[in-house]
Amino acid sequence: MLKGLGGLGDMAKMMKAAQEMQGKIAQLQEDMAHIMVEGEAGAGLVKATATAKGELKALNIDPSIFSSDDKEMVEDLILAAVKDAQAKATERAAEEMQKLTDGLGLPPGMKMPF
């Protein structure tokens, strides 16, 4: 008489699992703001620190590189360090998401919402 209702329990489990995953993703996004990565350029003469979300937090420049003749080189090193930090932030975010989704059986390379 109510044979079709047996699947509703499975659907409820799936919905609960989806809600739990949504909560974990929200927590991970919040945690990403506190995970720091450091990019560098010029053998460490310029260092940029960013969150795993890619927000630049600090820039450290060795004073030995300051010379009016080297202005363009310094600018290039700063840009390279910032780009390195952003690339590491993206990589770290992907690693953290992979940890979260490993047990879900999702296809490799499936992008999650960030």
PDB file of N, CA and C in Angstrom:
ATOM      1  N   MET A   1       0.807  -1.190   0.000  1.00  0.00           N
ATOM      2  CA  MET A   1       0.000   0.000   0.000  1.00  0.00           C
ATOM      3  C   MET A   1       0.857   1.265   0.000  1.00  0.00           C
ATOM      4  N   LEU A   2       1.899   1.321   0.809  1.00  0.00           N
ATOM      5  CA  LEU A   2       2.772   2.494   0.852  1.00  0.00           C
ATOM      6  C   LEU A   2       4.199   2.122   0.461  1.00  0.00           C
ATOM      7  N   LYS A   3       4.318   1.244  -0.504  1.00  0.00           N
ATOM      8  CA  LYS A   3       5.647   0.778  -0.910  1.00  0.00           C
ATOM      9  C   LYS A   3       6.563   1.921  -1.332  1.00  0.00           C
ATOM     10  N   GLY A   4       6.065   2.908  -1.986  1.00  0.00           N
ATOM     11  CA  GLY A   4       6.870   4.003  -2.510  1.00  0.00           C
ATOM     12  C   GLY A   4       7.498   4.884  -1.438  1.00  0.00           C
ATOM     13  N   LEU A   5       7.045   4.801  -0.222  1.00  0.00           N
ATOM     14  CA  LEU A   5       7.560   5.653   0.841  1.00  0.00           C
ATOM     15  C   LEU A   5       8.896   5.178   1.393  1.00  0.00           C
ATOM     16  N   GLY A   6       9.315   3.960   1.059  1.00  0.00           N
ATOM     17  CA  GLY A   6      10.585   3.445   1.556  1.00  0.00           C
ATOM     18  C   GLY A   6      11.756   4.303   1.131  1.00  0.00           C
ATOM     19  N   GLY A   7      11.684   4.912  -0.013  1.00  0.00           N
ATOM     20  CA  GLY A   7      12.752   5.761  -0.509  1.00  0.00           C
ATOM     21  C   GLY A   7      12.838   7.114   0.181  1.00  0.00           C
ATOM     22  N   LEU A   8      11.789   7.497   0.894  1.00  0.00           N
ATOM     23  CA  LEU A   8      11.800   8.802   1.563  1.00  0.00           C
ATOM     24  C   LEU A   8      12.837   8.855   2.675  1.00  0.00           C
ATOM     25  N   GLY A   9      13.055   7.720   3.327  1.00  0.00           N
ATOM     26  CA  GLY A   9      14.081   7.681   4.366  1.00  0.00           C
ATOM     27  C   GLY A   9      15.451   7.959   3.783  1.00  0.00           C
ATOM     28  N   ASP A  10      15.733   7.375   2.618  1.00  0.00           N
ATOM     29  CA  ASP A  10      17.010   7.624   1.946  1.00  0.00           C
ATOM     30  C   ASP A  10      17.133   9.091   1.542  1.00  0.00           C
ATOM     31  N   MET A  11      16.053   9.660   1.077  1.00  0.00           N
ATOM     32  CA  MET A  11      16.048  11.065   0.666  1.00  0.00           C
ATOM     33  C   MET A  11      16.312  11.957   1.877  1.00  0.00           C
ATOM     34  N   ALA A  12      15.706  11.605   3.021  1.00  0.00           N
ATOM     35  CA  ALA A  12      15.922  12.395   4.232  1.00  0.00           C
ATOM     36  C   ALA A  12      17.389  12.316   4.656  1.00  0.00           C
ATOM     37  N   LYS A  13      17.995  11.137   4.527  1.00  0.00           N
ATOM     38  CA  LYS A  13      19.418  10.988   4.857  1.00  0.00           C
ATOM     39  C   LYS A  13      20.271  11.838   3.928  1.00  0.00           C
ATOM     40  N   MET A  14      19.924  11.833   2.647  1.00  0.00           N
ATOM     41  CA  MET A  14      20.686  12.639   1.678  1.00  0.00           C
ATOM     42  C   MET A  14      20.558  14.122   1.987  1.00  0.00           C
ATOM     43  N   MET A  15      19.366  14.549   2.344  1.00  0.00           N
ATOM     44  CA  MET A  15      19.152  15.960   2.657  1.00  0.00           C
ATOM     45  C   MET A  15      19.939  16.348   3.908  1.00  0.00           C
ATOM     46  N   LYS A  16      19.939  15.464   4.905  1.00  0.00           N
ATOM     47  CA  LYS A  16      20.688  15.738   6.125  1.00  0.00           C
ATOM     48  C   LYS A  16      22.181  15.816   5.826  1.00  0.00           C
ATOM     49  N   ALA A  17      22.681  14.877   4.994  1.00  0.00           N
ATOM     50  CA  ALA A  17      24.098  14.886   4.620  1.00  0.00           C
ATOM     51  C   ALA A  17      24.443  16.161   3.849  1.00  0.00           C
ATOM     52  N   ALA A  18      23.533  16.600   2.979  1.00  0.00           N
ATOM     53  CA  ALA A  18      23.769  17.831   2.209  1.00  0.00           C
ATOM     54  C   ALA A  18      23.832  19.039   3.140  1.00  0.00           C
ATOM     55  N   GLN A  19      22.957  19.072   4.146  1.00  0.00           N
ATOM     56  CA  GLN A  19      22.966  20.181   5.099  1.00  0.00           C
ATOM     57  C   GLN A  19      24.257  20.173   5.917  1.00  0.00           C
ATOM     58  N   GLU A  20      24.693  18.973   6.316  1.00  0.00           N
ATOM     59  CA  GLU A  20      25.943  18.872   7.069  1.00  0.00           C
ATOM     60  C   GLU A  20      27.118  19.351   6.222  1.00  0.00           C
ATOM     61  N   MET A  21      27.143  18.952   4.947  1.00  0.00           N
ATOM     62  CA  MET A  21      28.213  19.374   4.049  1.00  0.00           C
ATOM     63  C   MET A  21      28.187  20.881   3.864  1.00  0.00           C
ATOM     64  N   GLN A  22      27.005  21.446   3.745  1.00  0.00           N
ATOM     65  CA  GLN A  22      26.886  22.897   3.595  1.00  0.00           C
ATOM     66  C   GLN A  22      27.467  23.602   4.819  1.00  0.00           C
ATOM     67  N   GLY A  23      27.200  23.053   5.999  1.00  0.00           N
ATOM     68  CA  GLY A  23      27.757  23.632   7.222  1.00  0.00           C
ATOM     69  C   GLY A  23      29.266  23.520   7.260  1.00  0.00           C
ATOM     70  N   LYS A  24      29.790  22.359   6.821  1.00  0.00           N
ATOM     71  CA  LYS A  24      31.242  22.160   6.800  1.00  0.00           C
ATOM     72  C   LYS A  24      31.910  23.101   5.805  1.00  0.00           C
ATOM     73  N   ILE A  25      31.271  23.312   4.666  1.00  0.00           N
ATOM     74  CA  ILE A  25      31.827  24.227   3.663  1.00  0.00           C
ATOM     75  C   ILE A  25      31.833  25.654   4.209  1.00  0.00           C
ATOM     76  N   ALA A  26      30.754  26.041   4.871  1.00  0.00           N
ATOM     77  CA  ALA A  26      30.697  27.389   5.464  1.00  0.00           C
ATOM     78  C   ALA A  26      31.801  27.554   6.504  1.00  0.00           C
ATOM     79  N   GLN A  27      32.023  26.515   7.322  1.00  0.00           N
ATOM     80  CA  GLN A  27      33.080  26.577   8.334  1.00  0.00           C
ATOM     81  C   GLN A  27      34.444  26.663   7.669  1.00  0.00           C
ATOM     82  N   LEU A  28      34.638  25.888   6.603  1.00  0.00           N
ATOM     83  CA  LEU A  28      35.914  25.915   5.889  1.00  0.00           C
ATOM     84  C   LEU A  28      36.170  27.294   5.295  1.00  0.00           C
ATOM     85  N   GLN A  29      35.148  27.905   4.730  1.00  0.00           N
ATOM     86  CA  GLN A  29      35.319  29.251   4.172  1.00  0.00           C
ATOM     87  C   GLN A  29      35.735  30.227   5.260  1.00  0.00           C
ATOM     88  N   GLU A  30      35.155  30.076   6.437  1.00  0.00           N
ATOM     89  CA  GLU A  30      35.536  30.943   7.558  1.00  0.00           C
ATOM     90  C   GLU A  30      36.976  30.660   7.990  1.00  0.00           C
ATOM     91  N   ASP A  31      37.333  29.380   8.043  1.00  0.00           N
ATOM     92  CA  ASP A  31      38.690  28.994   8.441  1.00  0.00           C
ATOM     93  C   ASP A  31      39.735  29.509   7.452  1.00  0.00           C
ATOM     94  N   MET A  32      39.382  29.583   6.170  1.00  0.00           N
ATOM     95  CA  MET A  32      40.325  30.039   5.144  1.00  0.00           C
ATOM     96  C   MET A  32      40.817  31.455   5.419  1.00  0.00           C
ATOM     97  N   ALA A  33      40.021  32.235   6.111  1.00  0.00           N
ATOM     98  CA  ALA A  33      40.416  33.608   6.440  1.00  0.00           C
ATOM     99  C   ALA A  33      41.513  33.632   7.501  1.00  0.00           C
ATOM    100  N   HIS A  34      41.739  32.487   8.168  1.00  0.00           N
ATOM    101  CA  HIS A  34      42.741  32.432   9.232  1.00  0.00           C
ATOM    102  C   HIS A  34      43.962  31.592   8.852  1.00  0.00           C
ATOM    103  N   ILE A  35      43.895  30.894   7.732  1.00  0.00           N
ATOM    104  CA  ILE A  35      45.038  30.110   7.262  1.00  0.00           C
ATOM    105  C   ILE A  35      45.937  31.051   6.463  1.00  0.00           C
ATOM    106  N   MET A  36      47.197  31.145   6.854  1.00  0.00           N
ATOM    107  CA  MET A  36      48.125  32.063   6.193  1.00  0.00           C
ATOM    108  C   MET A  36      49.103  31.303   5.304  1.00  0.00           C
ATOM    109  N   VAL A  37      49.407  31.892   4.151  1.00  0.00           N
ATOM    110  CA  VAL A  37      50.424  31.376   3.245  1.00  0.00           C
ATOM    111  C   VAL A  37      51.380  32.519   2.946  1.00  0.00           C
ATOM    112  N   GLU A  38      52.614  32.169   2.567  1.00  0.00           N
ATOM    113  CA  GLU A  38      53.605  33.204   2.274  1.00  0.00           C
ATOM    114  C   GLU A  38      54.202  32.966   0.900  1.00  0.00           C
ATOM    115  N   GLY A  39      54.181  34.009   0.098  1.00  0.00           N
ATOM    116  CA  GLY A  39      54.829  33.982  -1.202  1.00  0.00           C
ATOM    117  C   GLY A  39      56.089  34.819  -1.121  1.00  0.00           C
ATOM    118  N   GLU A  40      57.054  34.500  -1.981  1.00  0.00           N
ATOM    119  CA  GLU A  40      58.285  35.290  -1.952  1.00  0.00           C
ATOM    120  C   GLU A  40      58.854  35.445  -3.347  1.00  0.00           C
ATOM    121  N   ALA A  41      59.735  36.404  -3.457  1.00  0.00           N
ATOM    122  CA  ALA A  41      60.417  36.684  -4.718  1.00  0.00           C
ATOM    123  C   ALA A  41      61.807  37.204  -4.394  1.00  0.00           C
ATOM    124  N   GLY A  42      62.696  37.108  -5.372  1.00  0.00           N
ATOM    125  CA  GLY A  42      64.059  37.615  -5.187  1.00  0.00           C
ATOM    126  C   GLY A  42      64.783  36.880  -4.082  1.00  0.00           C
ATOM    127  N   ALA A  43      64.655  35.554  -4.055  1.00  0.00           N
ATOM    128  CA  ALA A  43      65.321  34.717  -3.040  1.00  0.00           C
ATOM    129  C   ALA A  43      64.967  35.163  -1.619  1.00  0.00           C
ATOM    130  N   GLY A  44      63.720  35.566  -1.436  1.00  0.00           N
ATOM    131  CA  GLY A  44      63.255  35.942  -0.108  1.00  0.00           C
ATOM    132  C   GLY A  44      63.414  37.407   0.241  1.00  0.00           C
ATOM    133  N   LEU A  45      63.883  38.223  -0.695  1.00  0.00           N
ATOM    134  CA  LEU A  45      64.041  39.654  -0.408  1.00  0.00           C
ATOM    135  C   LEU A  45      62.691  40.350  -0.254  1.00  0.00           C
ATOM    136  N   VAL A  46      61.672  39.828  -0.953  1.00  0.00           N
ATOM    137  CA  VAL A  46      60.321  40.365  -0.830  1.00  0.00           C
ATOM    138  C   VAL A  46      59.406  39.199  -0.489  1.00  0.00           C
ATOM    139  N   LYS A  47      58.636  39.366   0.602  1.00  0.00           N
ATOM    140  CA  LYS A  47      57.709  38.322   1.035  1.00  0.00           C
ATOM    141  C   LYS A  47      56.316  38.925   1.194  1.00  0.00           C
ATOM    142  N   ALA A  48      55.325  38.177   0.708  1.00  0.00           N
ATOM    143  CA  ALA A  48      53.936  38.604   0.839  1.00  0.00           C
ATOM    144  C   ALA A  48      53.182  37.519   1.602  1.00  0.00           C
ATOM    145  N   THR A  49      52.416  37.918   2.587  1.00  0.00           N
ATOM    146  CA  THR A  49      51.609  36.986   3.373  1.00  0.00           C
ATOM    147  C   THR A  49      50.148  37.235   3.039  1.00  0.00           C
ATOM    148  N   ALA A  50      49.427  36.146   2.762  1.00  0.00           N
ATOM    149  CA  ALA A  50      48.013  36.245   2.402  1.00  0.00           C
ATOM    150  C   ALA A  50      47.235  35.147   3.122  1.00  0.00           C
ATOM    151  N   THR A  51      45.921  35.336   3.203  1.00  0.00           N
ATOM    152  CA  THR A  51      45.070  34.276   3.727  1.00  0.00           C
ATOM    153  C   THR A  51      44.864  33.247   2.617  1.00  0.00           C
ATOM    154  N   ALA A  52      44.340  32.082   2.985  1.00  0.00           N
ATOM    155  CA  ALA A  52      44.041  31.059   1.983  1.00  0.00           C
ATOM    156  C   ALA A  52      42.920  31.515   1.058  1.00  0.00           C
ATOM    157  N   LYS A  53      42.237  32.590   1.418  1.00  0.00           N
ATOM    158  CA  LYS A  53      41.233  33.180   0.536  1.00  0.00           C
ATOM    159  C   LYS A  53      41.875  34.139  -0.469  1.00  0.00           C
ATOM    160  N   GLY A  54      43.170  34.408  -0.312  1.00  0.00           N
ATOM    161  CA  GLY A  54      43.877  35.271  -1.235  1.00  0.00           C
ATOM    162  C   GLY A  54      43.951  36.726  -0.811  1.00  0.00           C
ATOM    163  N   GLU A  55      43.520  37.045   0.388  1.00  0.00           N
ATOM    164  CA  GLU A  55      43.571  38.426   0.872  1.00  0.00           C
ATOM    165  C   GLU A  55      44.975  38.739   1.382  1.00  0.00           C
ATOM    166  N   LEU A  56      45.608  39.733   0.784  1.00  0.00           N
ATOM    167  CA  LEU A  56      46.954  40.141   1.180  1.00  0.00           C
ATOM    168  C   LEU A  56      46.914  40.726   2.587  1.00  0.00           C
ATOM    169  N   LYS A  57      47.765  40.192   3.485  1.00  0.00           N
ATOM    170  CA  LYS A  57      47.779  40.640   4.875  1.00  0.00           C
ATOM    171  C   LYS A  57      49.057  41.386   5.252  1.00  0.00           C
ATOM    172  N   ALA A  58      50.177  41.013   4.638  1.00  0.00           N
ATOM    173  CA  ALA A  58      51.439  41.655   5.011  1.00  0.00           C
ATOM    174  C   ALA A  58      52.402  41.610   3.834  1.00  0.00           C
ATOM    175  N   LEU A  59      53.293  42.563   3.839  1.00  0.00           N
ATOM    176  CA  LEU A  59      54.334  42.649   2.829  1.00  0.00           C
ATOM    177  C   LEU A  59      55.630  42.979   3.556  1.00  0.00           C
ATOM    178  N   ASN A  60      56.661  42.176   3.356  1.00  0.00           N
ATOM    179  CA  ASN A  60      57.944  42.379   4.024  1.00  0.00           C
ATOM    180  C   ASN A  60      59.014  42.549   2.950  1.00  0.00           C
ATOM    181  N   ILE A  61      59.689  43.686   2.983  1.00  0.00           N
ATOM    182  CA  ILE A  61      60.700  43.998   1.974  1.00  0.00           C
ATOM    183  C   ILE A  61      62.036  44.206   2.670  1.00  0.00           C
ATOM    184  N   ASP A  62      63.023  43.437   2.250  1.00  0.00           N
ATOM    185  CA  ASP A  62      64.370  43.578   2.807  1.00  0.00           C
ATOM    186  C   ASP A  62      64.900  44.952   2.398  1.00  0.00           C
ATOM    187  N   PRO A  63      65.378  45.763   3.345  1.00  0.00           N
ATOM    188  CA  PRO A  63      65.832  47.122   3.026  1.00  0.00           C
ATOM    189  C   PRO A  63      67.036  47.171   2.087  1.00  0.00           C
ATOM    190  N   SER A  64      67.732  46.072   1.933  1.00  0.00           N
ATOM    191  CA  SER A  64      68.914  46.073   1.062  1.00  0.00           C
ATOM    192  C   SER A  64      68.567  46.288  -0.410  1.00  0.00           C
ATOM    193  N   ILE A  65      67.302  46.131  -0.770  1.00  0.00           N
ATOM    194  CA  ILE A  65      66.967  46.277  -2.194  1.00  0.00           C
ATOM    195  C   ILE A  65      66.555  47.691  -2.573  1.00  0.00           C
ATOM    196  N   PHE A  66      66.507  48.598  -1.598  1.00  0.00           N
ATOM    197  CA  PHE A  66      66.081  49.954  -1.917  1.00  0.00           C
ATOM    198  C   PHE A  66      67.218  50.787  -2.494  1.00  0.00           C
ATOM    199  N   SER A  67      67.017  51.166  -3.709  1.00  0.00           N
ATOM    200  CA  SER A  67      67.945  52.039  -4.417  1.00  0.00           C
ATOM    201  C   SER A  67      67.127  52.716  -5.500  1.00  0.00           C
ATOM    202  N   SER A  68      67.320  53.991  -5.694  1.00  0.00           N
ATOM    203  CA  SER A  68      66.522  54.700  -6.700  1.00  0.00           C
ATOM    204  C   SER A  68      66.727  54.133  -8.099  1.00  0.00           C
ATOM    205  N   ASP A  69      67.892  53.517  -8.337  1.00  0.00           N
ATOM    206  CA  ASP A  69      68.162  52.941  -9.650  1.00  0.00           C
ATOM    207  C   ASP A  69      67.383  51.645  -9.883  1.00  0.00           C
ATOM    208  N   ASP A  70      66.939  51.004  -8.798  1.00  0.00           N
ATOM    209  CA  ASP A  70      66.316  49.692  -8.903  1.00  0.00           C
ATOM    210  C   ASP A  70      64.804  49.726  -8.675  1.00  0.00           C
ATOM    211  N   LYS A  71      64.184  50.892  -8.851  1.00  0.00           N
ATOM    212  CA  LYS A  71      62.759  51.033  -8.571  1.00  0.00           C
ATOM    213  C   LYS A  71      61.925  50.006  -9.326  1.00  0.00           C
ATOM    214  N   GLU A  72      62.168  49.820 -10.614  1.00  0.00           N
ATOM    215  CA  GLU A  72      61.379  48.880 -11.398  1.00  0.00           C
ATOM    216  C   GLU A  72      61.598  47.443 -10.931  1.00  0.00           C
ATOM    217  N   MET A  73      62.839  47.108 -10.564  1.00  0.00           N
ATOM    218  CA  MET A  73      63.119  45.762 -10.087  1.00  0.00           C
ATOM    219  C   MET A  73      62.363  45.502  -8.779  1.00  0.00           C
ATOM    220  N   VAL A  74      62.347  46.480  -7.883  1.00  0.00           N
ATOM    221  CA  VAL A  74      61.635  46.332  -6.612  1.00  0.00           C
ATOM    222  C   VAL A  74      60.143  46.146  -6.874  1.00  0.00           C
ATOM    223  N   GLU A  75      59.590  46.939  -7.760  1.00  0.00           N
ATOM    224  CA  GLU A  75      58.175  46.799  -8.100  1.00  0.00           C
ATOM    225  C   GLU A  75      57.884  45.413  -8.656  1.00  0.00           C
ATOM    226  N   ASP A  76      58.766  44.910  -9.520  1.00  0.00           N
ATOM    227  CA  ASP A  76      58.591  43.571 -10.091  1.00  0.00           C
ATOM    228  C   ASP A  76      58.659  42.492  -9.009  1.00  0.00           C
ATOM    229  N   LEU A  77      59.588  42.657  -8.065  1.00  0.00           N
ATOM    230  CA  LEU A  77      59.702  41.675  -6.984  1.00  0.00           C
ATOM    231  C   LEU A  77      58.462  41.683  -6.092  1.00  0.00           C
ATOM    232  N   ILE A  78      57.942  42.870  -5.820  1.00  0.00           N
ATOM    233  CA  ILE A  78      56.727  42.972  -5.004  1.00  0.00           C
ATOM    234  C   ILE A  78      55.570  42.279  -5.716  1.00  0.00           C
ATOM    235  N   LEU A  79      55.407  42.580  -6.977  1.00  0.00           N
ATOM    236  CA  LEU A  79      54.334  41.962  -7.753  1.00  0.00           C
ATOM    237  C   LEU A  79      54.499  40.439  -7.796  1.00  0.00           C
ATOM    238  N   ALA A  80      55.718  39.968  -7.993  1.00  0.00           N
ATOM    239  CA  ALA A  80      55.976  38.523  -8.047  1.00  0.00           C
ATOM    240  C   ALA A  80      55.659  37.855  -6.705  1.00  0.00           C
ATOM    241  N   ALA A  81      56.014  38.502  -5.606  1.00  0.00           N
ATOM    242  CA  ALA A  81      55.742  37.933  -4.278  1.00  0.00           C
ATOM    243  C   ALA A  81      54.237  37.867  -4.009  1.00  0.00           C
ATOM    244  N   VAL A  82      53.515  38.905  -4.390  1.00  0.00           N
ATOM    245  CA  VAL A  82      52.064  38.921  -4.201  1.00  0.00           C
ATOM    246  C   VAL A  82      51.417  37.823  -5.047  1.00  0.00           C
ATOM    247  N   LYS A  83      51.841  37.704  -6.303  1.00  0.00           N
ATOM    248  CA  LYS A  83      51.288  36.655  -7.165  1.00  0.00           C
ATOM    249  C   LYS A  83      51.605  35.262  -6.616  1.00  0.00           C
ATOM    250  N   ASP A  84      52.794  35.085  -6.069  1.00  0.00           N
ATOM    251  CA  ASP A  84      53.176  33.805  -5.483  1.00  0.00           C
ATOM    252  C   ASP A  84      52.288  33.486  -4.283  1.00  0.00           C
ATOM    253  N   ALA A  85      52.040  34.475  -3.444  1.00  0.00           N
ATOM    254  CA  ALA A  85      51.173  34.275  -2.281  1.00  0.00           C
ATOM    255  C   ALA A  85      49.753  33.930  -2.721  1.00  0.00           C
ATOM    256  N   GLN A  86      49.261  34.606  -3.751  1.00  0.00           N
ATOM    257  CA  GLN A  86      47.911  34.325  -4.238  1.00  0.00           C
ATOM    258  C   GLN A  86      47.821  32.915  -4.827  1.00  0.00           C
ATOM    259  N   ALA A  87      48.843  32.496  -5.546  1.00  0.00           N
ATOM    260  CA  ALA A  87      48.855  31.142  -6.111  1.00  0.00           C
ATOM    261  C   ALA A  87      48.874  30.099  -4.999  1.00  0.00           C
ATOM    262  N   LYS A  88      49.662  30.351  -3.965  1.00  0.00           N
ATOM    263  CA  LYS A  88      49.717  29.422  -2.834  1.00  0.00           C
ATOM    264  C   LYS A  88      48.392  29.419  -2.080  1.00  0.00           C
ATOM    265  N   ALA A  89      47.729  30.555  -2.011  1.00  0.00           N
ATOM    266  CA  ALA A  89      46.425  30.618  -1.353  1.00  0.00           C
ATOM    267  C   ALA A  89      45.408  29.766  -2.109  1.00  0.00           C
ATOM    268  N   THR A  90      45.415  29.873  -3.421  1.00  0.00           N
ATOM    269  CA  THR A  90      44.504  29.075  -4.242  1.00  0.00           C
ATOM    270  C   THR A  90      44.788  27.589  -4.064  1.00  0.00           C
ATOM    271  N   GLU A  91      46.062  27.229  -4.062  1.00  0.00           N
ATOM    272  CA  GLU A  91      46.456  25.841  -3.885  1.00  0.00           C
ATOM    273  C   GLU A  91      46.026  25.318  -2.511  1.00  0.00           C
ATOM    274  N   ARG A  92      46.234  26.122  -1.477  1.00  0.00           N
ATOM    275  CA  ARG A  92      45.876  25.707  -0.116  1.00  0.00           C
ATOM    276  C   ARG A  92      44.370  25.553   0.017  1.00  0.00           C
ATOM    277  N   ALA A  93      43.624  26.466  -0.584  1.00  0.00           N
ATOM    278  CA  ALA A  93      42.160  26.372  -0.540  1.00  0.00           C
ATOM    279  C   ALA A  93      41.690  25.079  -1.206  1.00  0.00           C
ATOM    280  N   ALA A  94      42.299  24.731  -2.335  1.00  0.00           N
ATOM    281  CA  ALA A  94      41.939  23.490  -3.025  1.00  0.00           C
ATOM    282  C   ALA A  94      42.281  22.270  -2.170  1.00  0.00           C
ATOM    283  N   GLU A  95      43.421  22.296  -1.492  1.00  0.00           N
ATOM    284  CA  GLU A  95      43.813  21.191  -0.612  1.00  0.00           C
ATOM    285  C   GLU A  95      42.818  21.028   0.526  1.00  0.00           C
ATOM    286  N   GLU A  96      42.416  22.136   1.129  1.00  0.00           N
ATOM    287  CA  GLU A  96      41.472  22.075   2.245  1.00  0.00           C
ATOM    288  C   GLU A  96      40.115  21.550   1.779  1.00  0.00           C
ATOM    289  N   MET A  97      39.682  21.976   0.604  1.00  0.00           N
ATOM    290  CA  MET A  97      38.409  21.492   0.067  1.00  0.00           C
ATOM    291  C   MET A  97      38.500  20.006  -0.248  1.00  0.00           C
ATOM    292  N   GLN A  98      39.639  19.568  -0.774  1.00  0.00           N
ATOM    293  CA  GLN A  98      39.829  18.156  -1.087  1.00  0.00           C
ATOM    294  C   GLN A  98      39.723  17.306   0.181  1.00  0.00           C
ATOM    295  N   LYS A  99      40.303  17.791   1.276  1.00  0.00           N
ATOM    296  CA  LYS A  99      40.200  17.081   2.554  1.00  0.00           C
ATOM    297  C   LYS A  99      38.738  16.926   2.958  1.00  0.00           C
ATOM    298  N   LEU A 100      37.963  17.963   2.740  1.00  0.00           N
ATOM    299  CA  LEU A 100      36.567  17.969   3.128  1.00  0.00           C
ATOM    300  C   LEU A 100      35.729  17.027   2.264  1.00  0.00           C
ATOM    301  N   THR A 101      36.053  16.935   0.990  1.00  0.00           N
ATOM    302  CA  THR A 101      35.216  16.179   0.056  1.00  0.00           C
ATOM    303  C   THR A 101      35.727  14.777  -0.248  1.00  0.00           C
ATOM    304  N   ASP A 102      36.856  14.370   0.313  1.00  0.00           N
ATOM    305  CA  ASP A 102      37.426  13.059   0.014  1.00  0.00           C
ATOM    306  C   ASP A 102      36.436  11.914   0.193  1.00  0.00           C
ATOM    307  N   GLY A 103      35.674  11.913   1.250  1.00  0.00           N
ATOM    308  CA  GLY A 103      34.787  10.792   1.534  1.00  0.00           C
ATOM    309  C   GLY A 103      33.441  10.840   0.835  1.00  0.00           C
ATOM    310  N   LEU A 104      33.209  11.811  -0.008  1.00  0.00           N
ATOM    311  CA  LEU A 104      31.890  11.966  -0.623  1.00  0.00           C
ATOM    312  C   LEU A 104      31.707  11.178  -1.907  1.00  0.00           C
ATOM    313  N   GLY A 105      32.785  10.675  -2.480  1.00  0.00           N
ATOM    314  CA  GLY A 105      32.677   9.952  -3.740  1.00  0.00           C
ATOM    315  C   GLY A 105      32.390  10.849  -4.920  1.00  0.00           C
ATOM    316  N   LEU A 106      32.798  12.107  -4.836  1.00  0.00           N
ATOM    317  CA  LEU A 106      32.601  13.031  -5.957  1.00  0.00           C
ATOM    318  C   LEU A 106      33.623  12.735  -7.048  1.00  0.00           C
ATOM    319  N   PRO A 107      33.282  13.014  -8.281  1.00  0.00           N
ATOM    320  CA  PRO A 107      34.243  12.787  -9.368  1.00  0.00           C
ATOM    321  C   PRO A 107      35.472  13.674  -9.183  1.00  0.00           C
ATOM    322  N   PRO A 108      36.655  13.172  -9.562  1.00  0.00           N
ATOM    323  CA  PRO A 108      37.875  13.981  -9.446  1.00  0.00           C
ATOM    324  C   PRO A 108      37.745  15.285 -10.219  1.00  0.00           C
ATOM    325  N   GLY A 109      38.215  16.354  -9.602  1.00  0.00           N
ATOM    326  CA  GLY A 109      38.207  17.656 -10.272  1.00  0.00           C
ATOM    327  C   GLY A 109      36.891  18.404 -10.177  1.00  0.00           C
ATOM    328  N   MET A 110      35.888  17.830  -9.513  1.00  0.00           N
ATOM    329  CA  MET A 110      34.619  18.539  -9.395  1.00  0.00           C
ATOM    330  C   MET A 110      34.800  19.759  -8.519  1.00  0.00           C
ATOM    331  N   LYS A 111      34.409  20.897  -9.030  1.00  0.00           N
ATOM    332  CA  LYS A 111      34.584  22.169  -8.316  1.00  0.00           C
ATOM    333  C   LYS A 111      33.451  22.368  -7.333  1.00  0.00           C
ATOM    334  N   MET A 112      33.825  22.790  -6.110  1.00  0.00           N
ATOM    335  CA  MET A 112      32.829  23.119  -5.103  1.00  0.00           C
ATOM    336  C   MET A 112      32.644  24.639  -5.134  1.00  0.00           C
ATOM    337  N   PRO A 113      31.671  25.145  -4.388  1.00  0.00           N
ATOM    338  CA  PRO A 113      31.282  26.553  -4.538  1.00  0.00           C
ATOM    339  C   PRO A 113      32.238  27.590  -3.984  1.00  0.00           C
ATOM    340  N   PHE A 114      33.564  27.502  -4.260  1.00  0.00           N
ATOM    341  CA  PHE A 114      34.502  28.598  -4.008  1.00  0.00           C
ATOM    342  C   PHE A 114      35.843  28.272  -4.532  1.00  0.00           C
TER     343      PHE A 114
END
